[in-house]
Amino acid sequence: MKILVISDTHGYIGDAVEAIEKEKCDFCIHLGDMAADCEELELIFPRQKFIFVKGNNDFFLRDSAFPDERIFELGGKKFFVCHGHKYHVKGGLFALKKKAVEVGADIVLYGHTHTAYLETGSVLVMNPGSAHSYGLIHIDGDSVRSEICR
């Protein structure tokens, strides 16, 4: 399974479109700011599977119940996905990692800082950066590989 992770597109989806076309992933996860970009990407790529959360700048969405965070399983791995602002990630990752442990996540994805970050270990922690970078996660059985691409 191949997963594309994007965040903080802020109205510029050109690089996201290129990444989706190039990487041909099973899922695309957008971590907010601007979730409306996700709605546009869904129209451009109607066969692509998307998972979205909203960020601190997401005010005008077609679905008012759009979630701030999600917990789900893909490829046998448990994901905790959020924008990050409610966990104060600009000041550090303590609260985010604490929540990940509470929910038993194998993979934690966040945005908000506009700075790409990748930490591997017992829990994978990734921030794909902003509009001009993205993350890739490859899950093959128990094996998980990840990278940040620009």
N, C-alpha and C. Protein backbone atom coordinates (compact mmCIF):
# COMPACT_ATOMS: atom_id res chain seq x y z
N MET A 1 0.85 -1.18 0.00
CA MET A 1 0.00 0.00 0.00
C MET A 1 0.89 1.24 0.00
N LYS A 2 0.53 2.20 -0.82
CA LYS A 2 1.28 3.44 -0.93
C LYS A 2 0.35 4.60 -0.58
N ILE A 3 0.81 5.47 0.33
CA ILE A 3 -0.01 6.57 0.84
C ILE A 3 0.74 7.88 0.62
N LEU A 4 0.06 8.83 0.00
CA LEU A 4 0.59 10.18 -0.20
C LEU A 4 0.06 11.06 0.92
N VAL A 5 0.94 11.86 1.54
CA VAL A 5 0.55 12.73 2.64
C VAL A 5 0.89 14.17 2.27
N ILE A 6 -0.12 15.06 2.30
CA ILE A 6 0.08 16.47 1.98
C ILE A 6 -0.56 17.32 3.08
N SER A 7 -0.13 18.57 3.13
CA SER A 7 -0.68 19.46 4.15
C SER A 7 -0.44 20.91 3.75
N ASP A 8 -1.20 21.79 4.34
CA ASP A 8 -0.98 23.23 4.25
C ASP A 8 -0.81 23.72 2.82
N THR A 9 -1.73 23.31 1.95
CA THR A 9 -1.68 23.76 0.57
C THR A 9 -2.14 25.21 0.43
N HIS A 10 -2.96 25.70 1.33
CA HIS A 10 -3.37 27.10 1.40
C HIS A 10 -3.82 27.68 0.06
N GLY A 11 -4.64 26.91 -0.67
CA GLY A 11 -5.18 27.41 -1.93
C GLY A 11 -4.32 27.14 -3.15
N TYR A 12 -3.13 26.59 -2.96
CA TYR A 12 -2.26 26.26 -4.08
C TYR A 12 -2.17 24.73 -4.18
N ILE A 13 -2.85 24.15 -5.18
CA ILE A 13 -2.87 22.71 -5.30
C ILE A 13 -2.01 22.19 -6.46
N GLY A 14 -1.31 23.06 -7.15
CA GLY A 14 -0.52 22.64 -8.31
C GLY A 14 0.45 21.51 -7.99
N ASP A 15 1.21 21.65 -6.91
CA ASP A 15 2.17 20.60 -6.54
C ASP A 15 1.47 19.33 -6.06
N ALA A 16 0.33 19.49 -5.41
CA ALA A 16 -0.44 18.32 -4.97
C ALA A 16 -0.96 17.55 -6.18
N VAL A 17 -1.44 18.25 -7.18
CA VAL A 17 -1.90 17.60 -8.41
C VAL A 17 -0.76 16.82 -9.05
N GLU A 18 0.42 17.45 -9.15
CA GLU A 18 1.59 16.77 -9.72
C GLU A 18 1.96 15.53 -8.91
N ALA A 19 1.94 15.64 -7.59
CA ALA A 19 2.31 14.50 -6.74
C ALA A 19 1.31 13.36 -6.89
N ILE A 20 0.03 13.67 -6.94
CA ILE A 20 -0.99 12.63 -7.10
C ILE A 20 -0.81 11.93 -8.44
N GLU A 21 -0.58 12.70 -9.49
CA GLU A 21 -0.38 12.11 -10.82
C GLU A 21 0.89 11.27 -10.87
N LYS A 22 1.96 11.75 -10.27
CA LYS A 22 3.25 11.06 -10.31
C LYS A 22 3.26 9.79 -9.45
N GLU A 23 2.77 9.88 -8.23
CA GLU A 23 2.94 8.80 -7.26
C GLU A 23 1.92 7.68 -7.38
N LYS A 24 0.75 7.97 -7.91
CA LYS A 24 -0.28 6.94 -8.10
C LYS A 24 -0.47 6.08 -6.84
N CYS A 25 -0.92 6.74 -5.80
CA CYS A 25 -1.06 6.11 -4.48
C CYS A 25 -2.43 5.49 -4.27
N ASP A 26 -2.49 4.59 -3.31
CA ASP A 26 -3.77 3.99 -2.92
C ASP A 26 -4.64 4.98 -2.17
N PHE A 27 -4.01 5.82 -1.35
CA PHE A 27 -4.72 6.83 -0.58
C PHE A 27 -3.93 8.13 -0.61
N CYS A 28 -4.65 9.24 -0.49
CA CYS A 28 -4.04 10.56 -0.31
C CYS A 28 -4.63 11.14 0.97
N ILE A 29 -3.76 11.54 1.88
CA ILE A 29 -4.19 12.12 3.15
C ILE A 29 -3.79 13.59 3.17
N HIS A 30 -4.76 14.47 3.38
CA HIS A 30 -4.50 15.92 3.47
C HIS A 30 -4.74 16.33 4.92
N LEU A 31 -3.76 17.02 5.49
CA LEU A 31 -3.77 17.34 6.92
C LEU A 31 -4.28 18.74 7.25
N GLY A 32 -5.02 19.34 6.34
CA GLY A 32 -5.66 20.62 6.64
C GLY A 32 -4.91 21.84 6.16
N ASP A 33 -5.63 22.93 6.20
CA ASP A 33 -5.17 24.24 5.70
C ASP A 33 -4.78 24.14 4.23
N MET A 34 -5.59 24.04 3.40
CA MET A 34 -6.99 24.34 3.27
C MET A 34 -7.73 23.05 2.89
N ALA A 35 -8.65 22.68 3.71
CA ALA A 35 -9.45 21.49 3.42
C ALA A 35 -10.31 21.71 2.19
N ALA A 36 -10.64 22.95 1.85
CA ALA A 36 -11.38 23.21 0.62
C ALA A 36 -10.56 22.75 -0.59
N ASP A 37 -9.23 22.77 -0.48
CA ASP A 37 -8.38 22.24 -1.55
C ASP A 37 -8.65 20.76 -1.75
N CYS A 38 -8.94 20.06 -0.67
CA CYS A 38 -9.25 18.64 -0.74
C CYS A 38 -10.50 18.42 -1.56
N GLU A 39 -11.48 19.27 -1.35
CA GLU A 39 -12.73 19.16 -2.10
C GLU A 39 -12.46 19.34 -3.59
N GLU A 40 -11.57 20.28 -3.93
CA GLU A 40 -11.21 20.50 -5.34
C GLU A 40 -10.43 19.31 -5.90
N LEU A 41 -9.53 18.75 -5.10
CA LEU A 41 -8.76 17.58 -5.54
C LEU A 41 -9.69 16.39 -5.80
N GLU A 42 -10.73 16.26 -4.99
CA GLU A 42 -11.70 15.18 -5.21
C GLU A 42 -12.39 15.32 -6.56
N LEU A 43 -12.64 16.54 -6.98
CA LEU A 43 -13.27 16.77 -8.28
C LEU A 43 -12.30 16.44 -9.42
N ILE A 44 -11.03 16.79 -9.25
CA ILE A 44 -10.03 16.53 -10.28
C ILE A 44 -9.71 15.04 -10.38
N PHE A 45 -9.67 14.36 -9.25
CA PHE A 45 -9.32 12.94 -9.19
C PHE A 45 -10.47 12.14 -8.55
N PRO A 46 -11.56 11.94 -9.26
CA PRO A 46 -12.72 11.28 -8.66
C PRO A 46 -12.48 9.82 -8.26
N ARG A 47 -11.46 9.18 -8.81
CA ARG A 47 -11.19 7.78 -8.46
C ARG A 47 -10.16 7.63 -7.34
N GLN A 48 -9.51 8.73 -6.97
CA GLN A 48 -8.52 8.69 -5.90
C GLN A 48 -9.24 8.63 -4.56
N LYS A 49 -8.74 7.81 -3.64
CA LYS A 49 -9.30 7.74 -2.28
C LYS A 49 -8.60 8.80 -1.43
N PHE A 50 -9.39 9.67 -0.82
CA PHE A 50 -8.88 10.76 0.01
C PHE A 50 -9.33 10.60 1.45
N ILE A 51 -8.47 11.05 2.36
CA ILE A 51 -8.81 11.18 3.78
C ILE A 51 -8.36 12.58 4.17
N PHE A 52 -9.26 13.35 4.77
CA PHE A 52 -8.98 14.74 5.10
C PHE A 52 -9.26 15.05 6.57
N VAL A 53 -8.55 16.02 7.09
CA VAL A 53 -8.91 16.66 8.36
C VAL A 53 -8.82 18.16 8.14
N LYS A 54 -9.48 18.92 8.97
CA LYS A 54 -9.41 20.38 8.81
C LYS A 54 -8.35 20.96 9.73
N GLY A 55 -7.86 22.12 9.34
CA GLY A 55 -6.85 22.83 10.11
C GLY A 55 -7.40 24.10 10.72
N ASN A 56 -6.51 24.89 11.26
CA ASN A 56 -6.93 26.12 11.94
C ASN A 56 -7.41 27.20 10.98
N ASN A 57 -7.17 27.07 9.69
CA ASN A 57 -7.64 28.05 8.71
C ASN A 57 -8.79 27.53 7.85
N ASP A 58 -9.43 26.48 8.27
CA ASP A 58 -10.52 25.88 7.50
C ASP A 58 -11.87 26.30 8.05
N PHE A 59 -12.45 27.31 7.39
CA PHE A 59 -13.70 27.87 7.88
C PHE A 59 -14.88 27.55 6.97
N PHE A 60 -14.65 27.49 5.66
CA PHE A 60 -15.74 27.37 4.70
C PHE A 60 -15.67 26.01 4.00
N LEU A 61 -16.37 25.06 4.54
CA LEU A 61 -16.38 23.71 3.99
C LEU A 61 -17.80 23.29 3.69
N ARG A 62 -17.95 22.43 2.69
CA ARG A 62 -19.30 21.96 2.33
C ARG A 62 -19.91 21.12 3.45
N ASP A 63 -19.06 20.51 4.27
CA ASP A 63 -19.54 19.63 5.34
C ASP A 63 -19.10 20.20 6.68
N SER A 64 -20.05 20.73 7.44
CA SER A 64 -19.70 21.37 8.72
C SER A 64 -19.21 20.35 9.75
N ALA A 65 -19.44 19.07 9.49
CA ALA A 65 -19.01 18.03 10.41
C ALA A 65 -17.61 17.50 10.06
N PHE A 66 -16.93 18.19 9.18
CA PHE A 66 -15.57 17.80 8.78
C PHE A 66 -14.71 17.68 10.04
N PRO A 67 -14.02 16.56 10.25
CA PRO A 67 -13.33 16.33 11.53
C PRO A 67 -12.00 17.08 11.68
N ASP A 68 -11.66 17.38 12.93
CA ASP A 68 -10.36 17.97 13.27
C ASP A 68 -9.27 16.89 13.29
N GLU A 69 -9.67 15.68 13.60
CA GLU A 69 -8.70 14.57 13.67
C GLU A 69 -9.42 13.27 13.35
N ARG A 70 -8.63 12.29 12.98
CA ARG A 70 -9.18 10.98 12.65
C ARG A 70 -8.26 9.89 13.19
N ILE A 71 -8.88 8.78 13.56
CA ILE A 71 -8.15 7.57 13.95
C ILE A 71 -8.72 6.45 13.08
N PHE A 72 -7.86 5.77 12.35
CA PHE A 72 -8.32 4.73 11.44
C PHE A 72 -7.19 3.74 11.19
N GLU A 73 -7.53 2.67 10.49
CA GLU A 73 -6.53 1.65 10.17
C GLU A 73 -6.41 1.51 8.66
N LEU A 74 -5.17 1.46 8.18
CA LEU A 74 -4.86 1.21 6.77
C LEU A 74 -3.70 0.23 6.73
N GLY A 75 -3.78 -0.75 5.90
CA GLY A 75 -2.68 -1.69 5.74
C GLY A 75 -2.26 -2.37 7.02
N GLY A 76 -3.19 -2.52 7.95
CA GLY A 76 -2.87 -3.16 9.22
C GLY A 76 -2.18 -2.26 10.23
N LYS A 77 -2.08 -0.97 9.93
CA LYS A 77 -1.45 0.00 10.84
C LYS A 77 -2.49 1.01 11.30
N LYS A 78 -2.39 1.38 12.58
CA LYS A 78 -3.32 2.36 13.15
C LYS A 78 -2.75 3.76 12.98
N PHE A 79 -3.55 4.65 12.40
CA PHE A 79 -3.16 6.03 12.14
C PHE A 79 -3.87 6.97 13.09
N PHE A 80 -3.13 7.99 13.53
CA PHE A 80 -3.72 9.15 14.19
C PHE A 80 -3.34 10.34 13.33
N VAL A 81 -4.36 11.04 12.82
CA VAL A 81 -4.15 12.10 11.84
C VAL A 81 -4.82 13.38 12.33
N CYS A 82 -4.07 14.49 12.32
CA CYS A 82 -4.62 15.79 12.71
C CYS A 82 -3.82 16.89 12.03
N HIS A 83 -4.31 18.12 12.13
CA HIS A 83 -3.55 19.25 11.61
C HIS A 83 -2.39 19.59 12.55
N GLY A 84 -2.63 19.50 13.82
CA GLY A 84 -1.56 19.72 14.80
C GLY A 84 -1.72 20.95 15.67
N HIS A 85 -2.50 21.92 15.23
CA HIS A 85 -2.62 23.17 16.00
C HIS A 85 -3.20 22.95 17.39
N LYS A 86 -4.12 22.01 17.52
CA LYS A 86 -4.73 21.76 18.83
C LYS A 86 -3.78 21.02 19.78
N TYR A 87 -2.67 20.54 19.25
CA TYR A 87 -1.64 19.87 20.06
C TYR A 87 -0.39 20.74 20.17
N HIS A 88 -0.51 21.99 19.76
CA HIS A 88 0.55 23.00 19.92
C HIS A 88 1.89 22.51 19.36
N VAL A 89 1.86 21.93 18.15
CA VAL A 89 3.06 21.33 17.57
C VAL A 89 4.16 22.34 17.26
N LYS A 90 3.82 23.61 17.17
CA LYS A 90 4.87 24.61 16.93
C LYS A 90 5.78 24.75 18.15
N GLY A 91 5.29 24.31 19.31
CA GLY A 91 6.08 24.37 20.54
C GLY A 91 6.72 23.04 20.91
N GLY A 92 6.48 22.01 20.10
CA GLY A 92 7.03 20.68 20.39
C GLY A 92 6.00 19.61 20.14
N LEU A 93 6.42 18.37 20.22
CA LEU A 93 5.55 17.25 19.86
C LEU A 93 5.06 16.44 21.07
N PHE A 94 5.30 16.93 22.27
CA PHE A 94 4.94 16.17 23.47
C PHE A 94 3.46 15.80 23.50
N ALA A 95 2.58 16.78 23.34
CA ALA A 95 1.14 16.53 23.44
C ALA A 95 0.66 15.63 22.30
N LEU A 96 1.21 15.82 21.12
CA LEU A 96 0.85 14.99 19.97
C LEU A 96 1.25 13.54 20.21
N LYS A 97 2.47 13.33 20.66
CA LYS A 97 2.94 11.96 20.91
C LYS A 97 2.19 11.31 22.07
N LYS A 98 1.82 12.10 23.05
CA LYS A 98 1.04 11.58 24.18
C LYS A 98 -0.31 11.07 23.67
N LYS A 99 -0.96 11.83 22.80
CA LYS A 99 -2.24 11.40 22.23
C LYS A 99 -2.04 10.14 21.39
N ALA A 100 -0.96 10.07 20.64
CA ALA A 100 -0.68 8.90 19.81
C ALA A 100 -0.56 7.64 20.67
N VAL A 101 0.11 7.75 21.81
CA VAL A 101 0.24 6.62 22.72
C VAL A 101 -1.13 6.25 23.29
N GLU A 102 -1.93 7.26 23.67
CA GLU A 102 -3.27 7.01 24.23
C GLU A 102 -4.15 6.22 23.27
N VAL A 103 -4.04 6.52 21.98
CA VAL A 103 -4.92 5.85 21.01
C VAL A 103 -4.26 4.60 20.40
N GLY A 104 -3.01 4.34 20.75
CA GLY A 104 -2.31 3.16 20.25
C GLY A 104 -1.91 3.26 18.80
N ALA A 105 -1.56 4.46 18.34
CA ALA A 105 -1.22 4.69 16.93
C ALA A 105 0.15 4.13 16.58
N ASP A 106 0.24 3.58 15.38
CA ASP A 106 1.51 3.17 14.79
C ASP A 106 2.11 4.31 13.97
N ILE A 107 1.23 5.15 13.41
CA ILE A 107 1.64 6.23 12.52
C ILE A 107 0.88 7.50 12.92
N VAL A 108 1.62 8.60 13.10
CA VAL A 108 1.04 9.89 13.46
C VAL A 108 1.39 10.88 12.36
N LEU A 109 0.37 11.54 11.83
CA LEU A 109 0.56 12.53 10.77
C LEU A 109 0.01 13.87 11.23
N TYR A 110 0.79 14.92 11.01
CA TYR A 110 0.35 16.27 11.39
C TYR A 110 0.95 17.28 10.42
N GLY A 111 0.42 18.49 10.42
CA GLY A 111 0.91 19.58 9.59
C GLY A 111 1.16 20.81 10.44
N HIS A 112 0.65 21.95 9.98
CA HIS A 112 0.61 23.22 10.72
C HIS A 112 1.92 23.98 10.75
N THR A 113 3.05 23.33 10.93
CA THR A 113 4.32 24.05 11.08
C THR A 113 4.94 24.47 9.75
N HIS A 114 4.50 23.89 8.66
CA HIS A 114 5.05 24.12 7.31
C HIS A 114 6.48 23.63 7.19
N THR A 115 6.92 22.84 8.14
CA THR A 115 8.28 22.30 8.14
C THR A 115 8.20 20.78 8.10
N ALA A 116 8.83 20.20 7.08
CA ALA A 116 8.82 18.74 6.95
C ALA A 116 9.57 18.11 8.13
N TYR A 117 9.03 16.99 8.60
CA TYR A 117 9.62 16.29 9.75
C TYR A 117 9.31 14.81 9.60
N LEU A 118 10.30 13.98 9.89
CA LEU A 118 10.10 12.54 9.83
C LEU A 118 10.88 11.89 10.96
N GLU A 119 10.15 11.14 11.78
CA GLU A 119 10.75 10.42 12.90
C GLU A 119 10.30 8.97 12.80
N THR A 120 11.27 8.08 12.72
CA THR A 120 10.93 6.66 12.67
C THR A 120 11.29 6.02 14.00
N GLY A 121 10.72 4.90 14.25
CA GLY A 121 10.94 4.19 15.52
C GLY A 121 9.73 3.34 15.78
N SER A 122 9.39 3.15 17.03
CA SER A 122 8.22 2.34 17.34
C SER A 122 6.94 2.99 16.82
N VAL A 123 6.94 4.32 16.71
CA VAL A 123 5.84 5.07 16.11
C VAL A 123 6.43 5.97 15.04
N LEU A 124 5.84 5.94 13.85
CA LEU A 124 6.25 6.84 12.77
C LEU A 124 5.54 8.17 12.96
N VAL A 125 6.30 9.26 12.99
CA VAL A 125 5.73 10.60 13.11
C VAL A 125 6.16 11.38 11.88
N MET A 126 5.17 11.93 11.15
CA MET A 126 5.49 12.64 9.91
C MET A 126 4.70 13.93 9.79
N ASN A 127 5.42 14.97 9.36
CA ASN A 127 4.83 16.21 8.89
C ASN A 127 5.36 16.37 7.47
N PRO A 128 4.49 16.39 6.47
CA PRO A 128 4.98 16.48 5.10
C PRO A 128 5.47 17.87 4.68
N GLY A 129 5.31 18.85 5.56
CA GLY A 129 5.70 20.22 5.21
C GLY A 129 4.51 20.97 4.67
N SER A 130 4.76 21.82 3.67
CA SER A 130 3.67 22.62 3.11
C SER A 130 3.47 22.30 1.63
N ALA A 131 2.95 23.25 0.89
CA ALA A 131 2.50 23.01 -0.49
C ALA A 131 3.56 22.44 -1.41
N HIS A 132 4.83 22.68 -1.16
CA HIS A 132 5.88 22.27 -2.10
C HIS A 132 6.61 20.99 -1.68
N SER A 133 6.07 20.27 -0.72
CA SER A 133 6.66 18.99 -0.33
C SER A 133 5.53 18.04 0.03
N TYR A 134 5.86 16.77 0.10
CA TYR A 134 4.86 15.77 0.46
C TYR A 134 5.56 14.56 1.08
N GLY A 135 4.78 13.76 1.76
CA GLY A 135 5.30 12.54 2.35
C GLY A 135 4.76 11.32 1.64
N LEU A 136 5.54 10.26 1.69
CA LEU A 136 5.10 8.96 1.18
C LEU A 136 5.28 7.92 2.26
N ILE A 137 4.29 7.07 2.40
CA ILE A 137 4.36 5.95 3.33
C ILE A 137 4.05 4.69 2.53
N HIS A 138 4.94 3.72 2.65
CA HIS A 138 4.76 2.43 1.98
C HIS A 138 4.55 1.38 3.07
N ILE A 139 3.43 0.68 3.01
CA ILE A 139 3.15 -0.38 3.98
C ILE A 139 3.08 -1.70 3.22
N ASP A 140 3.92 -2.63 3.64
CA ASP A 140 3.94 -3.96 3.05
C ASP A 140 4.03 -4.97 4.19
N GLY A 141 2.87 -5.48 4.60
CA GLY A 141 2.83 -6.37 5.76
C GLY A 141 3.24 -5.62 7.01
N ASP A 142 4.26 -6.12 7.70
CA ASP A 142 4.76 -5.45 8.90
C ASP A 142 5.77 -4.35 8.58
N SER A 143 6.21 -4.29 7.34
CA SER A 143 7.22 -3.32 6.91
C SER A 143 6.59 -1.97 6.58
N VAL A 144 7.17 -0.90 7.15
CA VAL A 144 6.72 0.46 6.86
C VAL A 144 7.94 1.28 6.46
N ARG A 145 7.89 1.87 5.27
CA ARG A 145 8.94 2.79 4.81
C ARG A 145 8.31 4.14 4.60
N SER A 146 9.08 5.19 4.85
CA SER A 146 8.54 6.54 4.70
C SER A 146 9.62 7.46 4.18
N GLU A 147 9.17 8.54 3.54
CA GLU A 147 10.11 9.53 3.02
C GLU A 147 9.40 10.86 2.81
N ILE A 148 10.17 11.92 2.81
CA ILE A 148 9.69 13.24 2.47
C ILE A 148 10.23 13.58 1.08
N CYS A 149 9.37 14.04 0.21
CA CYS A 149 9.76 14.39 -1.17
C CYS A 149 9.47 15.87 -1.40
N ARG A 150 10.27 16.46 -2.26
CA ARG A 150 10.09 17.88 -2.61
C ARG A 150 9.91 18.03 -4.10
